[in-house]
Every structure is written in C-alpha cells, then in structure tokens.
C-alpha cells in the first residue's frame, strides 16, 4: 500500500483573509492544479520567505499561473473573513513569525492575510503589512 510521502516537520498557521482575497487565492490554487488549499498556502508562504526548496506542490506543475486568476463566485457577505489553516514547514513557520515581529504587524494571522492579499494583487485589502513602520516584504 503506497501512501503520501512525508512532507517534513510542519506547524499550524491560521488566518482570516478577506473572502474576496480567499476567492482569488482559491482560483489560483485550482489554476495550479492543486486539489487542497492548505498545501497551496504552505507553498505560497515558502516562496514568500525565500525557501523554494521547501515547496512541495507548486514547483512540480508544468506551469505556474500565479498571475492568472480564475473566476470564482464571491460570497454573499462582503468583507467577511473565513478562517483558513495551513501547515507550512517549520522553518517557514519560524520565518513568518520573525517577519511578522520585524514588520510590527499585530499578529501572524494578519501578516499571512496581508501576504495573501498582496499575492493576488489586492493591495487595497492589505490591513497592516507595509502600512506601519518597518520594511514591507514583497513576494
């Protein structure tokens, strides 16, 4: 019986991006051919912190449509923020926490929500990252 290969030591990150951002992220996840949201988010965060060597799914696709958005329905609650979870490699988790503190963003959850907003080109929905004292970290 063959199972999935072990993805290494991982740690939980939870975030609540705006649903408009989440819709676009899910569109990119589907366009990349990745079945589940959590591995896609873990790969986006690994790329964000410069750890492409820890990318497990995005790097194994024929094309990487990070700039192409698929049409996805927007939920009926504008401004709503749905809880999403991912388990990036522990080294990525550590780097995200360090960057959150260095940039003065109030929480890791908000930092990741802001990274996702920037990832899909919705800088208008970035709440804190780059808006406080500190260096903005672009993807």
N, C-alpha and C. Protein backbone atom coordinates (compact mmCIF):
# COMPACT_ATOMS: atom_id res chain seq x y z
N UNK A 1 0.84 -1.18 0.00
CA UNK A 1 0.00 0.00 0.00
C UNK A 1 0.89 1.24 0.00
N UNK A 2 0.74 2.05 -1.01
CA UNK A 2 1.55 3.27 -1.13
C UNK A 2 0.82 4.43 -0.47
N UNK A 3 1.56 5.22 0.25
CA UNK A 3 1.00 6.39 0.90
C UNK A 3 1.67 7.64 0.39
N UNK A 4 1.25 8.74 0.91
CA UNK A 4 1.88 10.02 0.57
C UNK A 4 3.25 10.10 1.19
N UNK A 5 4.16 10.76 0.48
CA UNK A 5 5.48 10.95 1.08
C UNK A 5 5.38 11.98 2.20
N UNK A 6 6.21 11.81 3.21
CA UNK A 6 6.21 12.72 4.35
C UNK A 6 6.73 14.08 3.92
N UNK A 7 6.04 15.14 4.30
CA UNK A 7 6.41 16.48 3.88
C UNK A 7 7.32 17.19 4.88
N UNK A 8 7.74 16.51 5.93
CA UNK A 8 8.65 17.12 6.88
C UNK A 8 7.94 17.70 8.08
N UNK A 9 8.73 18.27 8.98
CA UNK A 9 8.23 18.87 10.22
C UNK A 9 7.43 20.12 9.89
N UNK A 10 6.17 20.14 10.30
CA UNK A 10 5.28 21.24 9.95
C UNK A 10 4.60 21.81 11.19
N UNK A 11 4.16 23.06 11.08
CA UNK A 11 3.48 23.72 12.19
C UNK A 11 2.28 24.50 11.66
N UNK A 12 1.24 24.61 12.47
CA UNK A 12 -0.03 25.22 12.07
C UNK A 12 0.03 26.74 12.05
N UNK A 13 -0.53 27.30 10.98
CA UNK A 13 -0.81 28.74 10.90
C UNK A 13 -2.27 28.89 10.51
N UNK A 14 -2.98 29.75 11.22
CA UNK A 14 -4.38 30.05 10.89
C UNK A 14 -4.47 31.53 10.52
N UNK A 15 -5.34 31.84 9.58
CA UNK A 15 -5.51 33.22 9.17
C UNK A 15 -6.94 33.45 8.72
N UNK A 16 -7.33 34.70 8.67
CA UNK A 16 -8.66 35.08 8.20
C UNK A 16 -8.52 36.17 7.14
N UNK A 17 -8.19 35.76 5.91
CA UNK A 17 -8.14 36.77 4.84
C UNK A 17 -9.56 37.20 4.48
N UNK A 18 -9.68 38.37 3.86
CA UNK A 18 -10.99 38.77 3.35
C UNK A 18 -11.44 37.72 2.34
N UNK A 19 -12.74 37.47 2.30
CA UNK A 19 -13.26 36.46 1.38
C UNK A 19 -12.97 36.79 -0.08
N UNK A 20 -12.89 38.08 -0.42
CA UNK A 20 -12.53 38.45 -1.79
C UNK A 20 -11.12 37.94 -2.11
N UNK A 21 -10.22 38.04 -1.15
CA UNK A 21 -8.85 37.53 -1.31
C UNK A 21 -8.87 36.01 -1.39
N UNK A 22 -9.61 35.39 -0.48
CA UNK A 22 -9.68 33.93 -0.46
C UNK A 22 -10.23 33.38 -1.77
N UNK A 23 -11.23 34.03 -2.34
CA UNK A 23 -11.77 33.60 -3.63
C UNK A 23 -10.68 33.60 -4.70
N UNK A 24 -9.87 34.66 -4.73
CA UNK A 24 -8.80 34.75 -5.72
C UNK A 24 -7.71 33.73 -5.46
N UNK A 25 -7.39 33.50 -4.19
CA UNK A 25 -6.38 32.50 -3.84
C UNK A 25 -6.85 31.11 -4.28
N UNK A 26 -8.10 30.81 -4.02
CA UNK A 26 -8.65 29.50 -4.43
C UNK A 26 -8.64 29.37 -5.95
N UNK A 27 -8.92 30.45 -6.64
CA UNK A 27 -8.84 30.42 -8.10
C UNK A 27 -7.44 30.08 -8.58
N UNK A 28 -6.44 30.67 -7.95
CA UNK A 28 -5.05 30.37 -8.31
C UNK A 28 -4.67 28.94 -7.94
N UNK A 29 -5.16 28.48 -6.80
CA UNK A 29 -4.91 27.10 -6.37
C UNK A 29 -5.45 26.14 -7.42
N UNK A 30 -6.67 26.36 -7.86
CA UNK A 30 -7.28 25.49 -8.88
C UNK A 30 -6.54 25.59 -10.20
N UNK A 31 -6.16 26.81 -10.58
CA UNK A 31 -5.42 27.01 -11.83
C UNK A 31 -4.07 26.29 -11.80
N UNK A 32 -3.50 26.17 -10.61
CA UNK A 32 -2.21 25.47 -10.47
C UNK A 32 -2.39 23.96 -10.42
N UNK A 33 -3.63 23.50 -10.37
CA UNK A 33 -3.89 22.06 -10.35
C UNK A 33 -3.67 21.42 -9.00
N UNK A 34 -3.74 22.20 -7.94
CA UNK A 34 -3.56 21.68 -6.59
C UNK A 34 -4.93 21.47 -5.97
N UNK A 35 -5.18 20.25 -5.50
CA UNK A 35 -6.52 19.87 -5.04
C UNK A 35 -6.93 20.50 -3.72
N UNK A 36 -5.97 20.72 -2.82
CA UNK A 36 -6.31 21.22 -1.49
C UNK A 36 -5.69 22.60 -1.25
N UNK A 37 -6.38 23.43 -0.47
CA UNK A 37 -5.93 24.79 -0.21
C UNK A 37 -4.69 24.83 0.68
N UNK A 38 -4.65 24.02 1.73
CA UNK A 38 -3.56 24.08 2.70
C UNK A 38 -2.18 23.90 2.07
N UNK A 39 -1.96 22.89 1.21
CA UNK A 39 -0.64 22.75 0.60
C UNK A 39 -0.29 23.94 -0.31
N UNK A 40 -1.29 24.50 -0.98
CA UNK A 40 -1.05 25.67 -1.82
C UNK A 40 -0.58 26.84 -0.96
N UNK A 41 -1.28 27.09 0.15
CA UNK A 41 -0.90 28.18 1.04
C UNK A 41 0.50 27.96 1.61
N UNK A 42 0.80 26.73 1.99
CA UNK A 42 2.14 26.42 2.53
C UNK A 42 3.21 26.74 1.49
N UNK A 43 2.95 26.41 0.23
CA UNK A 43 3.91 26.70 -0.83
C UNK A 43 4.05 28.20 -1.08
N UNK A 44 2.94 28.93 -1.07
CA UNK A 44 2.99 30.38 -1.25
C UNK A 44 3.83 31.01 -0.14
N UNK A 45 3.65 30.55 1.09
CA UNK A 45 4.43 31.09 2.21
C UNK A 45 5.90 30.72 2.10
N UNK A 46 6.20 29.51 1.65
CA UNK A 46 7.60 29.10 1.46
C UNK A 46 8.27 29.99 0.42
N UNK A 47 7.57 30.27 -0.67
CA UNK A 47 8.11 31.16 -1.70
C UNK A 47 8.28 32.57 -1.13
N UNK A 48 7.31 33.02 -0.36
CA UNK A 48 7.36 34.36 0.24
C UNK A 48 8.62 34.56 1.09
N UNK A 49 9.01 33.55 1.84
CA UNK A 49 10.18 33.70 2.72
C UNK A 49 11.48 33.26 2.03
N UNK A 50 11.40 32.97 0.74
CA UNK A 50 12.61 32.62 0.00
C UNK A 50 13.08 31.20 0.19
N UNK A 51 12.17 30.30 0.55
CA UNK A 51 12.53 28.89 0.76
C UNK A 51 11.87 28.01 -0.30
N UNK A 52 12.21 28.28 -1.55
CA UNK A 52 11.66 27.49 -2.66
C UNK A 52 12.01 26.01 -2.53
N UNK A 53 13.09 25.71 -1.81
CA UNK A 53 13.47 24.31 -1.60
C UNK A 53 12.45 23.55 -0.76
N UNK A 54 11.56 24.27 -0.06
CA UNK A 54 10.55 23.63 0.77
C UNK A 54 9.17 23.61 0.10
N UNK A 55 9.10 24.06 -1.14
CA UNK A 55 7.86 24.00 -1.91
C UNK A 55 7.62 22.55 -2.32
N UNK A 56 6.41 22.04 -2.04
CA UNK A 56 6.14 20.63 -2.32
C UNK A 56 5.22 20.41 -3.51
N UNK A 57 4.30 21.33 -3.78
CA UNK A 57 3.33 21.11 -4.86
C UNK A 57 3.48 22.09 -6.01
N UNK A 58 3.61 23.36 -5.73
CA UNK A 58 3.68 24.36 -6.80
C UNK A 58 4.86 24.14 -7.74
N UNK A 59 5.97 23.74 -7.24
CA UNK A 59 7.14 23.56 -8.07
C UNK A 59 7.10 22.34 -8.95
N UNK A 60 6.09 21.51 -8.80
CA UNK A 60 6.01 20.26 -9.54
C UNK A 60 4.95 20.29 -10.63
N UNK A 61 4.52 21.48 -11.00
CA UNK A 61 3.50 21.62 -12.04
C UNK A 61 4.17 22.08 -13.33
N UNK A 62 3.52 21.78 -14.46
CA UNK A 62 4.04 22.19 -15.77
C UNK A 62 4.14 23.70 -15.85
N UNK A 63 3.11 24.40 -15.42
CA UNK A 63 3.13 25.85 -15.45
C UNK A 63 2.76 26.37 -14.07
N UNK A 64 3.10 27.61 -13.84
CA UNK A 64 2.85 28.22 -12.55
C UNK A 64 2.03 29.48 -12.76
N UNK A 65 0.70 29.37 -12.83
CA UNK A 65 -0.14 30.52 -13.18
C UNK A 65 -0.40 31.44 -12.00
N UNK A 66 0.65 31.97 -11.39
CA UNK A 66 0.46 32.82 -10.22
C UNK A 66 -0.19 34.16 -10.57
N UNK A 67 -0.09 34.59 -11.83
CA UNK A 67 -0.68 35.86 -12.20
C UNK A 67 -2.03 35.71 -12.90
N UNK A 68 -2.47 34.47 -13.06
CA UNK A 68 -3.75 34.24 -13.72
C UNK A 68 -4.80 33.91 -12.68
N UNK A 69 -5.88 34.65 -12.70
CA UNK A 69 -6.96 34.40 -11.75
C UNK A 69 -8.12 33.76 -12.47
N UNK A 70 -8.69 32.75 -11.85
CA UNK A 70 -9.89 32.12 -12.39
C UNK A 70 -11.10 32.81 -11.79
N UNK A 71 -12.18 32.80 -12.51
CA UNK A 71 -13.41 33.37 -11.99
C UNK A 71 -13.92 32.49 -10.85
N UNK A 72 -14.16 33.08 -9.71
CA UNK A 72 -14.74 32.35 -8.60
C UNK A 72 -15.86 33.21 -8.02
N UNK A 73 -16.90 32.58 -7.56
CA UNK A 73 -18.01 33.37 -7.02
C UNK A 73 -17.62 34.04 -5.71
N UNK A 74 -18.06 35.26 -5.54
CA UNK A 74 -17.83 35.98 -4.29
C UNK A 74 -19.00 35.68 -3.37
N UNK A 75 -18.69 35.44 -2.11
CA UNK A 75 -19.73 35.11 -1.15
C UNK A 75 -20.70 36.25 -0.92
N UNK A 76 -21.81 35.99 -0.28
CA UNK A 76 -22.85 36.99 -0.08
C UNK A 76 -22.56 37.98 1.05
N UNK A 77 -21.42 37.83 1.71
CA UNK A 77 -21.11 38.68 2.85
C UNK A 77 -19.85 39.49 2.58
N UNK A 78 -19.96 40.67 1.95
CA UNK A 78 -18.79 41.48 1.65
C UNK A 78 -18.00 41.79 2.92
N UNK A 79 -16.69 41.68 2.84
CA UNK A 79 -15.83 41.97 3.99
C UNK A 79 -15.70 40.82 4.97
N UNK A 80 -16.40 39.73 4.72
CA UNK A 80 -16.34 38.57 5.61
C UNK A 80 -14.93 37.98 5.60
N UNK A 81 -14.55 37.37 6.70
CA UNK A 81 -13.22 36.78 6.80
C UNK A 81 -13.34 35.35 7.31
N UNK A 82 -13.11 34.40 6.42
CA UNK A 82 -13.22 32.98 6.72
C UNK A 82 -11.90 32.46 7.27
N UNK A 83 -11.96 31.62 8.29
CA UNK A 83 -10.76 31.02 8.86
C UNK A 83 -10.21 29.95 7.91
N UNK A 84 -8.93 30.07 7.59
CA UNK A 84 -8.25 29.04 6.81
C UNK A 84 -6.99 28.62 7.57
N UNK A 85 -6.58 27.38 7.33
CA UNK A 85 -5.43 26.83 8.03
C UNK A 85 -4.44 26.25 7.03
N UNK A 86 -3.18 26.29 7.40
CA UNK A 86 -2.14 25.63 6.62
C UNK A 86 -1.06 25.15 7.58
N UNK A 87 -0.30 24.21 7.11
CA UNK A 87 0.80 23.69 7.91
C UNK A 87 2.08 23.75 7.08
N UNK A 88 2.72 24.94 7.05
CA UNK A 88 3.97 25.04 6.32
C UNK A 88 5.10 24.33 7.08
N UNK A 89 6.18 24.10 6.38
CA UNK A 89 7.36 23.52 7.01
C UNK A 89 7.74 24.40 8.22
N UNK A 90 8.24 23.80 9.26
CA UNK A 90 8.54 24.55 10.49
C UNK A 90 9.51 25.71 10.23
N UNK A 91 10.44 25.55 9.31
CA UNK A 91 11.37 26.65 9.00
C UNK A 91 10.64 27.83 8.39
N UNK A 92 9.63 27.57 7.58
CA UNK A 92 8.80 28.63 7.00
C UNK A 92 7.97 29.27 8.11
N UNK A 93 7.40 28.45 8.97
CA UNK A 93 6.62 28.94 10.12
C UNK A 93 7.46 29.91 10.95
N UNK A 94 8.71 29.52 11.23
CA UNK A 94 9.61 30.37 12.02
C UNK A 94 9.90 31.68 11.29
N UNK A 95 10.17 31.60 10.00
CA UNK A 95 10.47 32.81 9.22
C UNK A 95 9.26 33.74 9.17
N UNK A 96 8.06 33.19 9.04
CA UNK A 96 6.84 34.01 9.03
C UNK A 96 6.70 34.74 10.37
N UNK A 97 6.91 34.04 11.47
CA UNK A 97 6.82 34.67 12.79
C UNK A 97 7.87 35.76 12.97
N UNK A 98 9.07 35.52 12.49
CA UNK A 98 10.12 36.53 12.59
C UNK A 98 9.77 37.77 11.77
N UNK A 99 9.26 37.57 10.57
CA UNK A 99 8.89 38.70 9.71
C UNK A 99 7.72 39.47 10.30
N UNK A 100 6.76 38.77 10.87
CA UNK A 100 5.62 39.44 11.50
C UNK A 100 6.09 40.37 12.60
N UNK A 101 7.00 39.88 13.44
CA UNK A 101 7.51 40.71 14.52
C UNK A 101 8.35 41.87 13.99
N UNK A 102 9.19 41.60 12.99
CA UNK A 102 10.07 42.62 12.44
C UNK A 102 9.30 43.76 11.76
N UNK A 103 8.16 43.44 11.19
CA UNK A 103 7.38 44.45 10.48
C UNK A 103 6.37 45.15 11.37
N UNK A 104 6.20 44.67 12.60
CA UNK A 104 5.27 45.31 13.52
C UNK A 104 3.81 44.98 13.26
N UNK A 105 3.54 43.97 12.44
CA UNK A 105 2.16 43.55 12.21
C UNK A 105 1.65 42.91 13.50
N UNK A 106 0.40 43.16 13.84
CA UNK A 106 -0.14 42.78 15.14
C UNK A 106 -0.17 41.28 15.43
N UNK A 107 -0.31 40.45 14.39
CA UNK A 107 -0.38 39.01 14.61
C UNK A 107 0.10 38.27 13.37
N UNK A 108 0.46 37.01 13.56
CA UNK A 108 0.85 36.18 12.43
C UNK A 108 -0.35 35.99 11.50
N UNK A 109 -1.52 35.84 12.07
CA UNK A 109 -2.73 35.69 11.26
C UNK A 109 -2.90 36.88 10.32
N UNK A 110 -2.75 38.09 10.83
CA UNK A 110 -2.90 39.29 10.00
C UNK A 110 -1.77 39.39 8.98
N UNK A 111 -0.56 39.03 9.39
CA UNK A 111 0.58 39.06 8.46
C UNK A 111 0.30 38.15 7.26
N UNK A 112 -0.14 36.93 7.52
CA UNK A 112 -0.41 35.98 6.44
C UNK A 112 -1.59 36.46 5.58
N UNK A 113 -2.62 37.01 6.21
CA UNK A 113 -3.75 37.55 5.44
C UNK A 113 -3.26 38.66 4.50
N UNK A 114 -2.37 39.50 4.99
CA UNK A 114 -1.82 40.57 4.16
C UNK A 114 -0.93 40.03 3.04
N UNK A 115 -0.13 39.02 3.33
CA UNK A 115 0.70 38.38 2.30
C UNK A 115 -0.20 37.81 1.20
N UNK A 116 -1.29 37.17 1.59
CA UNK A 116 -2.21 36.60 0.59
C UNK A 116 -2.87 37.69 -0.24
N UNK A 117 -3.24 38.80 0.39
CA UNK A 117 -3.82 39.91 -0.36
C UNK A 117 -2.83 40.44 -1.39
N UNK A 118 -1.57 40.56 -1.00
CA UNK A 118 -0.54 41.01 -1.94
C UNK A 118 -0.31 39.96 -3.02
N UNK A 119 -0.36 38.69 -2.67
CA UNK A 119 -0.17 37.58 -3.60
C UNK A 119 -1.16 37.63 -4.76
N UNK A 120 -2.39 38.03 -4.47
CA UNK A 120 -3.42 38.07 -5.52
C UNK A 120 -3.64 39.48 -6.07
N UNK A 121 -2.75 40.40 -5.72
CA UNK A 121 -2.84 41.74 -6.27
C UNK A 121 -3.93 42.61 -5.69
N UNK A 122 -4.35 42.32 -4.48
CA UNK A 122 -5.38 43.13 -3.82
C UNK A 122 -4.74 43.93 -2.69
N UNK A 123 -3.81 44.80 -3.05
CA UNK A 123 -3.13 45.64 -2.06
C UNK A 123 -4.11 46.52 -1.30
N UNK A 124 -5.28 46.80 -1.90
CA UNK A 124 -6.29 47.59 -1.22
C UNK A 124 -6.88 46.87 -0.01
N UNK A 125 -6.67 45.55 0.07
CA UNK A 125 -7.17 44.78 1.21
C UNK A 125 -6.06 44.40 2.19
N UNK A 126 -4.87 44.96 2.01
CA UNK A 126 -3.79 44.79 2.98
C UNK A 126 -4.11 45.69 4.16
N UNK A 127 -4.15 45.11 5.35
CA UNK A 127 -4.56 45.86 6.53
C UNK A 127 -3.37 46.50 7.24
N UNK A 128 -2.26 45.75 7.41
CA UNK A 128 -1.15 46.27 8.20
C UNK A 128 0.21 46.21 7.51
N UNK A 129 0.51 45.17 6.80
CA UNK A 129 1.86 44.95 6.25
C UNK A 129 2.25 46.09 5.32
N UNK A 130 3.35 46.75 5.65
CA UNK A 130 3.81 47.86 4.84
C UNK A 130 3.15 49.17 5.18
N UNK A 131 2.17 49.15 6.06
CA UNK A 131 1.47 50.37 6.43
C UNK A 131 1.95 50.91 7.78
N UNK A 132 2.78 50.11 8.45
CA UNK A 132 3.36 50.54 9.72
C UNK A 132 4.85 50.76 9.51
N UNK A 133 5.49 51.27 10.55
CA UNK A 133 6.93 51.42 10.48
C UNK A 133 7.58 50.06 10.32
N UNK A 134 8.55 49.97 9.47
CA UNK A 134 9.20 48.71 9.20
C UNK A 134 9.27 48.50 7.70
N UNK A 135 10.00 47.52 7.29
CA UNK A 135 10.17 47.25 5.87
C UNK A 135 9.06 46.37 5.35
N UNK A 136 8.38 46.80 4.28
CA UNK A 136 7.39 45.90 3.67
C UNK A 136 8.13 44.79 2.94
N UNK A 137 7.63 43.59 3.04
CA UNK A 137 8.26 42.43 2.42
C UNK A 137 7.41 41.97 1.25
N UNK A 138 7.88 42.22 0.06
CA UNK A 138 7.12 41.85 -1.13
C UNK A 138 7.41 40.41 -1.50
N UNK A 139 6.47 39.80 -2.19
CA UNK A 139 6.63 38.43 -2.67
C UNK A 139 7.35 38.45 -3.99
